[in-house]
């Protein structure tokens, strides 16, 4: 007897730096439509959505508004829920990254990761230093070709980026390159669209920031 599997689809876990706009509605309606289509086909389907409530910008915005970070997140998360109700989005779970269940899950995963070993015996997670041009608004490092000159400006916000050096935790992705390539080429691991397959050639990834 074949085991019945659940088809899982998730929207982006939306950042609460502001209230939702048409882009949030577009992706959520698309996800809801796909989930309903699977259910009409008689398949078990689970739609996940929610809000990402961690970040420097969220802390900054809450401070500017004169409220606590949690209070600000509560307000924006409520607006997301109200909009999905108004649009009749039939999600199965609305996750918030400040919820206890999410915090416990992250801590459990992190505990397993810091104990994990690569195939060659090295730690899968290690500390290292990352340096580059950092945009506080994007909360992201920018490559040289992403900057507008003069002034090393963020192309999105048109504000100066800051040269930043910081200690991070890295995931040693390069140790798994041969295995990943074999899985992808053999078809056992399918990646769509095709151009996304070159992601397996990336070196070590920044996993977490201090």
N, C-alpha and C. Protein backbone atom coordinates (compact mmCIF):
# COMPACT_ATOMS: atom_id res chain seq x y z
N UNK A 1 0.85 -1.20 0.00
CA UNK A 1 0.00 0.00 0.00
C UNK A 1 0.88 1.24 0.00
N UNK A 2 0.61 2.15 -0.95
CA UNK A 2 1.40 3.36 -1.06
C UNK A 2 1.04 4.35 0.04
N UNK A 3 2.05 4.90 0.69
CA UNK A 3 1.81 5.86 1.76
C UNK A 3 1.29 7.17 1.19
N UNK A 4 0.24 7.71 1.75
CA UNK A 4 -0.33 8.97 1.30
C UNK A 4 0.54 10.13 1.78
N UNK A 5 0.93 10.98 0.88
CA UNK A 5 1.82 12.07 1.22
C UNK A 5 1.08 13.40 1.16
N UNK A 6 1.49 14.34 2.02
CA UNK A 6 0.89 15.66 2.05
C UNK A 6 1.69 16.62 1.19
N UNK A 7 1.02 17.35 0.34
CA UNK A 7 1.65 18.35 -0.52
C UNK A 7 1.73 19.65 0.27
N UNK A 8 2.94 20.13 0.50
CA UNK A 8 3.16 21.32 1.32
C UNK A 8 3.56 22.50 0.44
N UNK A 9 2.90 23.61 0.64
CA UNK A 9 3.27 24.84 -0.05
C UNK A 9 3.34 25.96 0.97
N UNK A 10 4.38 26.78 0.87
CA UNK A 10 4.52 27.92 1.77
C UNK A 10 4.69 29.21 0.99
N UNK A 11 4.07 30.25 1.46
CA UNK A 11 4.35 31.58 0.94
C UNK A 11 5.69 32.02 1.53
N UNK A 12 6.25 33.14 1.08
CA UNK A 12 7.33 33.72 1.86
C UNK A 12 6.83 33.98 3.28
N UNK A 13 7.71 33.87 4.25
CA UNK A 13 7.35 34.26 5.61
C UNK A 13 7.64 35.76 5.67
N UNK A 14 6.58 36.54 5.60
CA UNK A 14 6.70 37.96 5.26
C UNK A 14 7.32 38.79 6.39
N UNK A 15 8.19 39.69 5.97
CA UNK A 15 8.90 40.59 6.87
C UNK A 15 7.94 41.69 7.32
N UNK A 16 7.91 41.99 8.61
CA UNK A 16 6.93 42.94 9.14
C UNK A 16 7.48 44.36 9.27
N UNK A 17 8.32 44.77 8.32
CA UNK A 17 8.82 46.14 8.36
C UNK A 17 7.73 47.14 7.99
N UNK A 18 6.61 46.64 7.40
CA UNK A 18 5.50 47.52 7.07
C UNK A 18 4.26 46.66 6.82
N UNK A 19 3.12 47.32 6.59
CA UNK A 19 1.88 46.60 6.32
C UNK A 19 1.96 45.93 4.95
N UNK A 20 1.17 44.89 4.71
CA UNK A 20 1.21 44.20 3.42
C UNK A 20 0.78 45.09 2.26
N UNK A 21 1.36 44.81 1.08
CA UNK A 21 1.00 45.55 -0.13
C UNK A 21 0.58 44.56 -1.21
N UNK A 22 0.42 45.04 -2.44
CA UNK A 22 -0.13 44.20 -3.51
C UNK A 22 0.78 43.00 -3.81
N UNK A 23 2.09 43.15 -3.62
CA UNK A 23 3.00 42.03 -3.85
C UNK A 23 2.76 40.89 -2.88
N UNK A 24 2.49 41.22 -1.62
CA UNK A 24 2.16 40.19 -0.64
C UNK A 24 0.87 39.47 -1.04
N UNK A 25 -0.12 40.25 -1.47
CA UNK A 25 -1.40 39.65 -1.86
C UNK A 25 -1.23 38.74 -3.07
N UNK A 26 -0.42 39.17 -4.04
CA UNK A 26 -0.21 38.39 -5.26
C UNK A 26 0.35 37.01 -4.95
N UNK A 27 1.44 36.95 -4.18
CA UNK A 27 2.07 35.66 -3.91
C UNK A 27 1.18 34.77 -3.04
N UNK A 28 0.42 35.39 -2.14
CA UNK A 28 -0.43 34.59 -1.26
C UNK A 28 -1.64 34.05 -2.01
N UNK A 29 -2.23 34.85 -2.88
CA UNK A 29 -3.35 34.37 -3.71
C UNK A 29 -2.87 33.23 -4.62
N UNK A 30 -1.68 33.38 -5.19
CA UNK A 30 -1.14 32.33 -6.05
C UNK A 30 -0.96 31.03 -5.27
N UNK A 31 -0.41 31.14 -4.05
CA UNK A 31 -0.20 29.95 -3.23
C UNK A 31 -1.53 29.31 -2.84
N UNK A 32 -2.51 30.14 -2.50
CA UNK A 32 -3.83 29.64 -2.14
C UNK A 32 -4.49 28.92 -3.31
N UNK A 33 -4.33 29.49 -4.51
CA UNK A 33 -4.91 28.89 -5.72
C UNK A 33 -4.30 27.52 -5.99
N UNK A 34 -2.97 27.41 -5.88
CA UNK A 34 -2.30 26.13 -6.11
C UNK A 34 -2.74 25.09 -5.08
N UNK A 35 -2.88 25.52 -3.84
CA UNK A 35 -3.29 24.59 -2.78
C UNK A 35 -4.71 24.08 -3.02
N UNK A 36 -5.60 24.98 -3.41
CA UNK A 36 -6.98 24.57 -3.69
C UNK A 36 -7.02 23.60 -4.87
N UNK A 37 -6.18 23.85 -5.87
CA UNK A 37 -6.15 22.97 -7.03
C UNK A 37 -5.73 21.56 -6.64
N UNK A 38 -4.75 21.45 -5.77
CA UNK A 38 -4.31 20.13 -5.29
C UNK A 38 -5.42 19.42 -4.53
N UNK A 39 -6.15 20.18 -3.72
CA UNK A 39 -7.24 19.59 -2.95
C UNK A 39 -8.36 19.10 -3.88
N UNK A 40 -8.63 19.85 -4.96
CA UNK A 40 -9.64 19.43 -5.92
C UNK A 40 -9.23 18.14 -6.64
N UNK A 41 -7.91 17.90 -6.71
CA UNK A 41 -7.39 16.67 -7.30
C UNK A 41 -7.44 15.51 -6.31
N UNK A 42 -7.94 15.77 -5.11
CA UNK A 42 -8.04 14.73 -4.10
C UNK A 42 -6.79 14.52 -3.29
N UNK A 43 -5.86 15.46 -3.35
CA UNK A 43 -4.61 15.32 -2.63
C UNK A 43 -4.68 16.04 -1.28
N UNK A 44 -3.93 15.51 -0.31
CA UNK A 44 -3.77 16.23 0.95
C UNK A 44 -2.84 17.42 0.70
N UNK A 45 -3.26 18.60 1.11
CA UNK A 45 -2.47 19.80 0.88
C UNK A 45 -2.46 20.66 2.13
N UNK A 46 -1.32 21.29 2.37
CA UNK A 46 -1.13 22.11 3.57
C UNK A 46 -0.50 23.42 3.14
N UNK A 47 -1.17 24.53 3.46
CA UNK A 47 -0.68 25.86 3.09
C UNK A 47 -0.18 26.58 4.34
N UNK A 48 1.08 26.96 4.29
CA UNK A 48 1.72 27.67 5.39
C UNK A 48 2.00 29.11 4.98
N UNK A 49 1.73 30.04 5.88
CA UNK A 49 2.13 31.43 5.68
C UNK A 49 2.49 31.99 7.05
N UNK A 50 2.88 33.24 7.09
CA UNK A 50 3.24 33.81 8.39
C UNK A 50 4.11 35.04 8.26
N UNK A 51 4.72 35.42 9.38
CA UNK A 51 5.50 36.66 9.43
C UNK A 51 6.85 36.44 10.09
N UNK A 52 7.87 37.05 9.49
CA UNK A 52 9.23 37.06 10.01
C UNK A 52 9.37 38.31 10.87
N UNK A 53 9.58 38.13 12.16
CA UNK A 53 9.52 39.25 13.10
C UNK A 53 10.86 39.52 13.77
N UNK A 54 11.94 39.23 13.07
CA UNK A 54 13.27 39.49 13.61
C UNK A 54 14.07 40.32 12.60
N UNK A 55 14.83 41.27 13.11
CA UNK A 55 15.68 42.06 12.22
C UNK A 55 15.94 43.45 12.78
N UNK A 56 17.02 44.02 12.33
CA UNK A 56 17.42 45.35 12.80
C UNK A 56 16.42 46.42 12.37
N UNK A 57 15.87 46.28 11.15
CA UNK A 57 14.93 47.29 10.69
C UNK A 57 13.65 47.30 11.52
N UNK A 58 13.20 46.12 11.93
CA UNK A 58 12.00 46.04 12.74
C UNK A 58 12.23 46.74 14.09
N UNK A 59 13.38 46.48 14.67
CA UNK A 59 13.73 47.14 15.94
C UNK A 59 13.80 48.65 15.76
N UNK A 60 14.38 49.09 14.64
CA UNK A 60 14.51 50.53 14.39
C UNK A 60 13.13 51.18 14.20
N UNK A 61 12.26 50.54 13.41
CA UNK A 61 10.94 51.11 13.14
C UNK A 61 10.12 51.19 14.42
N UNK A 62 10.17 50.14 15.23
CA UNK A 62 9.42 50.14 16.49
C UNK A 62 9.91 51.28 17.39
N UNK A 63 11.22 51.47 17.43
CA UNK A 63 11.79 52.54 18.25
C UNK A 63 11.32 53.91 17.75
N UNK A 64 11.29 54.08 16.42
CA UNK A 64 10.84 55.35 15.85
C UNK A 64 9.37 55.61 16.16
N UNK A 65 8.56 54.55 16.27
CA UNK A 65 7.14 54.69 16.55
C UNK A 65 6.86 54.78 18.05
N UNK A 66 7.89 54.57 18.87
CA UNK A 66 7.73 54.69 20.31
C UNK A 66 7.00 53.53 20.96
N UNK A 67 7.10 52.35 20.36
CA UNK A 67 6.47 51.16 20.93
C UNK A 67 7.52 50.06 21.05
N UNK A 68 7.19 49.02 21.83
CA UNK A 68 8.12 47.90 21.94
C UNK A 68 8.16 47.12 20.63
N UNK A 69 9.24 46.39 20.42
CA UNK A 69 9.36 45.61 19.19
C UNK A 69 8.25 44.57 19.09
N UNK A 70 7.93 43.90 20.21
CA UNK A 70 6.88 42.89 20.19
C UNK A 70 5.52 43.51 19.89
N UNK A 71 5.25 44.67 20.47
CA UNK A 71 3.98 45.34 20.21
C UNK A 71 3.85 45.71 18.74
N UNK A 72 4.93 46.20 18.16
CA UNK A 72 4.91 46.55 16.74
C UNK A 72 4.66 45.31 15.89
N UNK A 73 5.34 44.21 16.20
CA UNK A 73 5.14 42.97 15.45
C UNK A 73 3.71 42.47 15.57
N UNK A 74 3.14 42.56 16.76
CA UNK A 74 1.76 42.14 16.98
C UNK A 74 0.81 42.94 16.08
N UNK A 75 1.05 44.23 15.97
CA UNK A 75 0.19 45.09 15.17
C UNK A 75 0.25 44.71 13.69
N UNK A 76 1.46 44.54 13.17
CA UNK A 76 1.59 44.26 11.74
C UNK A 76 1.12 42.85 11.42
N UNK A 77 1.41 41.87 12.27
CA UNK A 77 0.95 40.51 12.04
C UNK A 77 -0.57 40.47 11.99
N UNK A 78 -1.23 41.26 12.83
CA UNK A 78 -2.69 41.31 12.83
C UNK A 78 -3.22 41.85 11.51
N UNK A 79 -2.54 42.82 10.92
CA UNK A 79 -2.95 43.37 9.63
C UNK A 79 -2.84 42.30 8.54
N UNK A 80 -1.77 41.52 8.57
CA UNK A 80 -1.63 40.43 7.60
C UNK A 80 -2.79 39.45 7.73
N UNK A 81 -3.11 39.05 8.94
CA UNK A 81 -4.21 38.10 9.16
C UNK A 81 -5.54 38.67 8.66
N UNK A 82 -5.77 39.94 8.95
CA UNK A 82 -7.01 40.57 8.52
C UNK A 82 -7.13 40.59 7.00
N UNK A 83 -6.02 40.86 6.33
CA UNK A 83 -6.04 40.90 4.87
C UNK A 83 -6.31 39.51 4.29
N UNK A 84 -5.67 38.48 4.87
CA UNK A 84 -5.89 37.13 4.35
C UNK A 84 -7.33 36.69 4.58
N UNK A 85 -7.92 37.09 5.68
CA UNK A 85 -9.33 36.79 5.92
C UNK A 85 -10.21 37.49 4.89
N UNK A 86 -9.88 38.73 4.60
CA UNK A 86 -10.67 39.50 3.64
C UNK A 86 -10.56 38.90 2.24
N UNK A 87 -9.40 38.36 1.90
CA UNK A 87 -9.19 37.75 0.58
C UNK A 87 -9.58 36.27 0.56
N UNK A 88 -10.09 35.76 1.68
CA UNK A 88 -10.52 34.36 1.81
C UNK A 88 -9.36 33.40 1.53
N UNK A 89 -8.20 33.72 2.06
CA UNK A 89 -7.05 32.83 1.96
C UNK A 89 -7.21 31.71 2.98
N UNK A 90 -7.26 30.48 2.51
CA UNK A 90 -7.53 29.35 3.40
C UNK A 90 -6.22 28.65 3.79
N UNK A 91 -5.43 29.34 4.57
CA UNK A 91 -4.17 28.77 5.03
C UNK A 91 -4.44 27.80 6.18
N UNK A 92 -3.52 26.84 6.36
CA UNK A 92 -3.63 25.87 7.45
C UNK A 92 -2.86 26.30 8.69
N UNK A 93 -1.85 27.12 8.49
CA UNK A 93 -1.01 27.54 9.63
C UNK A 93 -0.45 28.92 9.34
N UNK A 94 -0.56 29.81 10.32
CA UNK A 94 0.05 31.13 10.26
C UNK A 94 1.14 31.15 11.33
N UNK A 95 2.39 31.09 10.88
CA UNK A 95 3.51 31.01 11.81
C UNK A 95 4.09 32.40 12.04
N UNK A 96 4.44 32.69 13.28
CA UNK A 96 5.14 33.91 13.61
C UNK A 96 6.47 33.53 14.25
N UNK A 97 7.54 34.16 13.81
CA UNK A 97 8.86 33.75 14.30
C UNK A 97 9.11 34.15 15.75
N UNK A 98 8.20 34.90 16.34
CA UNK A 98 8.34 35.21 17.76
C UNK A 98 7.55 34.24 18.64
N UNK A 99 6.82 33.31 18.03
CA UNK A 99 6.06 32.34 18.81
C UNK A 99 6.99 31.37 19.52
N UNK A 100 6.57 30.92 20.69
CA UNK A 100 7.38 29.97 21.46
C UNK A 100 7.66 28.70 20.67
N UNK A 101 6.68 28.21 19.94
CA UNK A 101 6.86 26.96 19.20
C UNK A 101 7.95 27.13 18.14
N UNK A 102 8.02 28.30 17.53
CA UNK A 102 9.06 28.55 16.53
C UNK A 102 10.43 28.67 17.19
N UNK A 103 10.48 29.39 18.29
CA UNK A 103 11.75 29.56 19.02
C UNK A 103 12.29 28.20 19.46
N UNK A 104 11.42 27.36 20.01
CA UNK A 104 11.86 26.03 20.45
C UNK A 104 12.36 25.19 19.28
N UNK A 105 11.67 25.30 18.15
CA UNK A 105 12.08 24.54 16.97
C UNK A 105 13.44 24.98 16.45
N UNK A 106 13.66 26.29 16.43
CA UNK A 106 14.94 26.83 15.96
C UNK A 106 16.07 26.39 16.88
N UNK A 107 15.85 26.47 18.17
CA UNK A 107 16.89 26.09 19.14
C UNK A 107 17.22 24.60 19.02
N UNK A 108 16.21 23.77 18.80
CA UNK A 108 16.45 22.34 18.64
C UNK A 108 17.25 22.07 17.37
N UNK A 109 16.88 22.73 16.27
CA UNK A 109 17.61 22.56 15.02
C UNK A 109 19.05 23.05 15.16
N UNK A 110 19.22 24.21 15.81
CA UNK A 110 20.56 24.76 15.99
C UNK A 110 21.44 23.82 16.82
N UNK A 111 20.85 23.22 17.84
CA UNK A 111 21.60 22.27 18.66
C UNK A 111 22.11 21.09 17.84
N UNK A 112 21.30 20.62 16.90
CA UNK A 112 21.72 19.50 16.05
C UNK A 112 22.79 19.96 15.05
N UNK A 113 22.64 21.17 14.53
CA UNK A 113 23.58 21.65 13.52
C UNK A 113 24.97 21.85 14.09
N UNK A 114 25.07 22.42 15.28
CA UNK A 114 26.41 22.70 15.82
C UNK A 114 27.14 21.42 16.21
N UNK A 115 26.41 20.31 16.29
CA UNK A 115 27.05 19.02 16.58
C UNK A 115 27.31 18.21 15.30
N UNK A 116 26.79 18.68 14.17
CA UNK A 116 26.89 17.93 12.92
C UNK A 116 28.32 17.95 12.38
N UNK A 117 28.69 16.86 11.72
CA UNK A 117 30.00 16.73 11.10
C UNK A 117 29.85 16.54 9.59
N UNK A 118 30.81 17.08 8.85
CA UNK A 118 30.86 16.88 7.40
C UNK A 118 31.35 15.46 7.11
N UNK A 119 31.20 15.01 5.86
CA UNK A 119 31.72 13.69 5.51
C UNK A 119 33.21 13.51 5.79
N UNK A 120 33.97 14.62 5.75
CA UNK A 120 35.41 14.53 6.01
C UNK A 120 35.75 14.70 7.50
N UNK A 121 34.73 14.79 8.35
CA UNK A 121 34.96 14.87 9.79
C UNK A 121 35.01 16.27 10.36
N UNK A 122 35.06 17.28 9.52
CA UNK A 122 35.10 18.65 10.02
C UNK A 122 33.71 19.08 10.50
N UNK A 123 33.66 20.11 11.36
CA UNK A 123 32.39 20.65 11.82
C UNK A 123 31.61 21.24 10.64
N UNK A 124 30.32 20.94 10.58
CA UNK A 124 29.49 21.48 9.50
C UNK A 124 29.26 22.98 9.69
N UNK A 125 29.22 23.43 10.95
CA UNK A 125 29.07 24.84 11.27
C UNK A 125 30.35 25.34 11.92
N UNK A 126 30.85 26.47 11.45
CA UNK A 126 32.08 27.00 12.02
C UNK A 126 32.02 28.52 12.05
N UNK A 127 32.84 29.12 12.90
CA UNK A 127 32.91 30.58 12.98
C UNK A 127 33.93 31.12 11.99
N UNK A 128 33.58 32.25 11.42
CA UNK A 128 34.49 32.90 10.50
C UNK A 128 34.16 34.38 10.43
N UNK A 129 34.95 35.13 9.69
CA UNK A 129 34.74 36.56 9.54
C UNK A 129 34.30 36.88 8.13
N UNK A 130 33.29 37.72 8.03
CA UNK A 130 32.79 38.16 6.73
C UNK A 130 32.92 39.67 6.67
N UNK A 131 33.37 40.16 5.52
CA UNK A 131 33.54 41.60 5.36
C UNK A 131 32.97 42.02 4.01
N UNK A 132 32.37 43.20 3.98
CA UNK A 132 31.82 43.71 2.73
C UNK A 132 30.99 44.96 2.96
N UNK A 133 30.41 45.45 1.86
CA UNK A 133 29.56 46.63 1.93
C UNK A 133 28.17 46.20 2.38
N UNK A 134 27.68 46.80 3.47
CA UNK A 134 26.44 46.39 4.11
C UNK A 134 25.41 47.50 4.06
N UNK A 135 24.19 47.15 3.61
CA UNK A 135 23.09 48.11 3.61
C UNK A 135 22.19 47.83 4.80
N UNK A 136 22.12 48.74 5.78
CA UNK A 136 21.27 48.51 6.96
C UNK A 136 19.80 48.38 6.61
N UNK A 137 19.34 49.07 5.57
CA UNK A 137 17.93 49.00 5.18
C UNK A 137 17.58 47.63 4.60
N UNK A 138 18.45 47.11 3.75
CA UNK A 138 18.24 45.78 3.18
C UNK A 138 18.61 44.68 4.16
N UNK A 139 19.43 45.04 5.16
CA UNK A 139 20.01 44.05 6.07
C UNK A 139 20.74 42.98 5.27
N UNK A 140 21.55 43.44 4.32
CA UNK A 140 22.25 42.51 3.43
C UNK A 140 23.56 43.12 2.96
N UNK A 141 24.53 42.25 2.71
CA UNK A 141 25.78 42.67 2.11
C UNK A 141 25.60 42.80 0.60
N UNK A 142 26.29 43.75 -0.01
CA UNK A 142 26.17 44.02 -1.43
C UNK A 142 27.51 43.77 -2.13
N UNK A 143 27.45 43.11 -3.29
CA UNK A 143 28.63 42.96 -4.12
C UNK A 143 28.96 44.30 -4.77
N UNK A 144 30.21 44.43 -5.23
CA UNK A 144 30.64 45.69 -5.83
C UNK A 144 29.75 46.09 -7.01
N UNK A 145 29.33 45.12 -7.82
CA UNK A 145 28.51 45.43 -9.00
C UNK A 145 27.09 45.85 -8.63
N UNK A 146 26.70 45.63 -7.38
CA UNK A 146 25.36 46.03 -6.93
C UNK A 146 25.33 47.47 -6.42
N UNK A 147 26.48 48.09 -6.27
CA UNK A 147 26.56 49.44 -5.72
C UNK A 147 26.49 50.50 -6.81
N UNK A 148 25.90 51.63 -6.47
CA UNK A 148 25.89 52.77 -7.37
C UNK A 148 26.99 53.72 -6.94
N UNK A 149 27.72 54.20 -7.94
CA UNK A 149 28.82 55.12 -7.67
C UNK A 149 28.49 56.50 -8.22
N UNK A 150 29.07 57.54 -7.63
CA UNK A 150 30.00 57.50 -6.49
C UNK A 150 29.26 57.34 -5.16
N UNK A 151 30.00 56.93 -4.15
CA UNK A 151 29.46 56.90 -2.80
C UNK A 151 29.07 55.54 -2.28
N UNK A 152 29.28 54.46 -3.11
CA UNK A 152 28.92 53.11 -2.67
C UNK A 152 27.48 53.05 -2.17
N UNK A 153 26.55 53.49 -3.02
CA UNK A 153 25.14 53.58 -2.64
C UNK A 153 24.42 52.26 -2.92
N UNK A 154 23.47 51.91 -2.05
CA UNK A 154 22.58 50.79 -2.30
C UNK A 154 21.69 51.17 -3.48
N UNK A 155 21.60 50.30 -4.48
CA UNK A 155 20.81 50.61 -5.68
C UNK A 155 19.32 50.67 -5.37
N UNK A 156 18.89 50.02 -4.28
CA UNK A 156 17.47 50.01 -3.94
C UNK A 156 17.09 51.25 -3.14
N UNK A 157 17.86 51.56 -2.10
CA UNK A 157 17.52 52.66 -1.20
C UNK A 157 18.27 53.95 -1.51
N UNK A 158 19.30 53.84 -2.37
CA UNK A 158 20.12 55.00 -2.74
C UNK A 158 20.67 55.72 -1.51
N UNK A 159 21.09 54.90 -0.54
CA UNK A 159 21.77 55.40 0.65
C UNK A 159 23.15 54.74 0.71
N UNK A 160 24.12 55.41 1.34
CA UNK A 160 25.47 54.83 1.41
C UNK A 160 25.48 53.52 2.18
N UNK A 161 26.19 52.55 1.63
CA UNK A 161 26.42 51.30 2.36
C UNK A 161 27.63 51.47 3.29
N UNK A 162 27.68 50.63 4.30
CA UNK A 162 28.74 50.72 5.29
C UNK A 162 29.70 49.55 5.15
N UNK A 163 31.00 49.82 5.13
CA UNK A 163 31.97 48.72 5.11
C UNK A 163 31.94 48.04 6.49
N UNK A 164 31.62 46.77 6.50
CA UNK A 164 31.38 46.07 7.75
C UNK A 164 32.17 44.77 7.80
N UNK A 165 32.81 44.52 8.92
CA UNK A 165 33.47 43.25 9.18
C UNK A 165 32.87 42.67 10.46
N UNK A 166 32.41 41.43 10.38
CA UNK A 166 31.76 40.84 11.54
C UNK A 166 31.98 39.34 11.58
N UNK A 167 31.89 38.81 12.78
CA UNK A 167 32.01 37.37 12.98
C UNK A 167 30.66 36.72 12.73
N UNK A 168 30.68 35.64 11.96
CA UNK A 168 29.46 34.93 11.62
C UNK A 168 29.64 33.43 11.82
N UNK A 169 28.53 32.72 11.81
CA UNK A 169 28.56 31.27 11.70
C UNK A 169 28.36 30.90 10.24
N UNK A 170 29.18 29.99 9.74
CA UNK A 170 29.11 29.55 8.36
C UNK A 170 28.74 28.08 8.29
N UNK A 171 27.98 27.72 7.23
CA UNK A 171 27.69 26.33 6.93
C UNK A 171 28.65 25.87 5.84
N UNK A 172 29.34 24.75 6.07
CA UNK A 172 30.40 24.30 5.17
C UNK A 172 29.79 23.55 3.97
N UNK A 173 29.09 24.29 3.13
CA UNK A 173 28.42 23.70 1.97
C UNK A 173 29.40 23.05 1.01
N UNK A 174 30.59 23.61 0.90
CA UNK A 174 31.58 23.08 -0.05
C UNK A 174 31.93 21.62 0.23
N UNK A 175 31.78 21.17 1.47
CA UNK A 175 32.11 19.79 1.82
C UNK A 175 31.11 18.80 1.23
N UNK A 176 29.95 19.30 0.80
CA UNK A 176 28.90 18.44 0.26
C UNK A 176 28.75 18.59 -1.25
N UNK A 177 29.67 19.32 -1.89
CA UNK A 177 29.52 19.64 -3.30
C UNK A 177 29.47 18.38 -4.18
N UNK A 178 30.38 17.44 -3.96
CA UNK A 178 30.41 16.24 -4.80
C UNK A 178 29.12 15.43 -4.66
N UNK A 179 28.65 15.28 -3.43
CA UNK A 179 27.41 14.53 -3.20
C UNK A 179 26.22 15.24 -3.83
N UNK A 180 26.13 16.58 -3.65
CA UNK A 180 25.04 17.33 -4.23
C UNK A 180 25.03 17.23 -5.76
N UNK A 181 26.21 17.34 -6.36
CA UNK A 181 26.29 17.29 -7.81
C UNK A 181 25.81 15.94 -8.34
N UNK A 182 26.21 14.87 -7.67
CA UNK A 182 25.79 13.53 -8.09
C UNK A 182 24.28 13.36 -7.96
N UNK A 183 23.71 13.87 -6.86
CA UNK A 183 22.27 13.76 -6.65
C UNK A 183 21.49 14.53 -7.71
N UNK A 184 21.99 15.69 -8.09
CA UNK A 184 21.31 16.53 -9.07
C UNK A 184 21.44 15.94 -10.47
N UNK A 185 22.64 15.55 -10.85
CA UNK A 185 22.87 15.00 -12.19
C UNK A 185 22.09 13.71 -12.39
N UNK A 186 22.00 12.89 -11.36
CA UNK A 186 21.29 11.61 -11.46
C UNK A 186 19.77 11.79 -11.52
N UNK A 187 19.30 12.97 -11.13
CA UNK A 187 17.86 13.21 -11.11
C UNK A 187 17.20 12.84 -9.80
N UNK A 188 17.97 12.29 -8.85
CA UNK A 188 17.37 11.94 -7.56
C UNK A 188 16.96 13.19 -6.79
N UNK A 189 17.70 14.28 -7.01
CA UNK A 189 17.35 15.56 -6.42
C UNK A 189 17.00 16.51 -7.56
N UNK A 190 15.74 16.87 -7.66
CA UNK A 190 15.27 17.70 -8.76
C UNK A 190 15.20 19.15 -8.34
N UNK A 191 15.79 20.03 -9.14
CA UNK A 191 15.77 21.46 -8.86
C UNK A 191 15.18 22.17 -10.06
N UNK A 192 14.12 22.91 -9.85
CA UNK A 192 13.49 23.71 -10.89
C UNK A 192 13.46 25.17 -10.45
N UNK A 193 13.63 26.12 -11.35
CA UNK A 193 13.96 25.97 -12.76
C UNK A 193 15.41 25.51 -12.97
N UNK A 194 15.72 25.15 -14.21
CA UNK A 194 17.02 24.56 -14.50
C UNK A 194 18.19 25.47 -14.15
N UNK A 195 18.02 26.77 -14.37
CA UNK A 195 19.15 27.68 -14.11
C UNK A 195 19.51 27.74 -12.63
N UNK A 196 18.62 27.28 -11.75
CA UNK A 196 18.91 27.30 -10.32
C UNK A 196 19.87 26.20 -9.91
N UNK A 197 20.17 25.28 -10.81
CA UNK A 197 21.05 24.17 -10.46
C UNK A 197 22.46 24.62 -10.11
N UNK A 198 22.87 25.77 -10.63
CA UNK A 198 24.24 26.22 -10.35
C UNK A 198 24.43 26.63 -8.90
N UNK A 199 23.36 26.65 -8.10
CA UNK A 199 23.50 26.97 -6.68
C UNK A 199 24.37 25.97 -5.95
N UNK A 200 24.41 24.73 -6.47
CA UNK A 200 25.21 23.70 -5.79
C UNK A 200 26.69 23.99 -5.91
N UNK A 201 27.08 24.95 -6.76
CA UNK A 201 28.49 25.28 -6.94
C UNK A 201 28.94 26.39 -6.00
N UNK A 202 28.03 26.90 -5.18
CA UNK A 202 28.42 27.95 -4.24
C UNK A 202 29.33 27.37 -3.17
N UNK A 203 30.15 28.23 -2.61
CA UNK A 203 31.01 27.81 -1.49
C UNK A 203 30.25 27.96 -0.19
N UNK A 204 30.95 28.10 0.91
CA UNK A 204 30.30 28.10 2.21
C UNK A 204 29.36 29.29 2.38
N UNK A 205 28.23 29.04 3.04
CA UNK A 205 27.20 30.04 3.21
C UNK A 205 27.23 30.62 4.62
N UNK A 206 26.92 31.93 4.69
CA UNK A 206 26.72 32.53 6.01
C UNK A 206 25.40 31.99 6.54
N UNK A 207 25.47 31.32 7.70
CA UNK A 207 24.29 30.66 8.25
C UNK A 207 23.60 31.52 9.29
N UNK A 208 24.37 32.21 10.11
CA UNK A 208 23.77 33.01 11.18
C UNK A 208 24.73 34.15 11.52
N UNK A 209 24.14 35.29 11.87
CA UNK A 209 24.96 36.45 12.23
C UNK A 209 24.86 36.69 13.73
N UNK A 210 25.95 37.16 14.30
CA UNK A 210 25.95 37.51 15.73
C UNK A 210 25.15 38.80 15.92
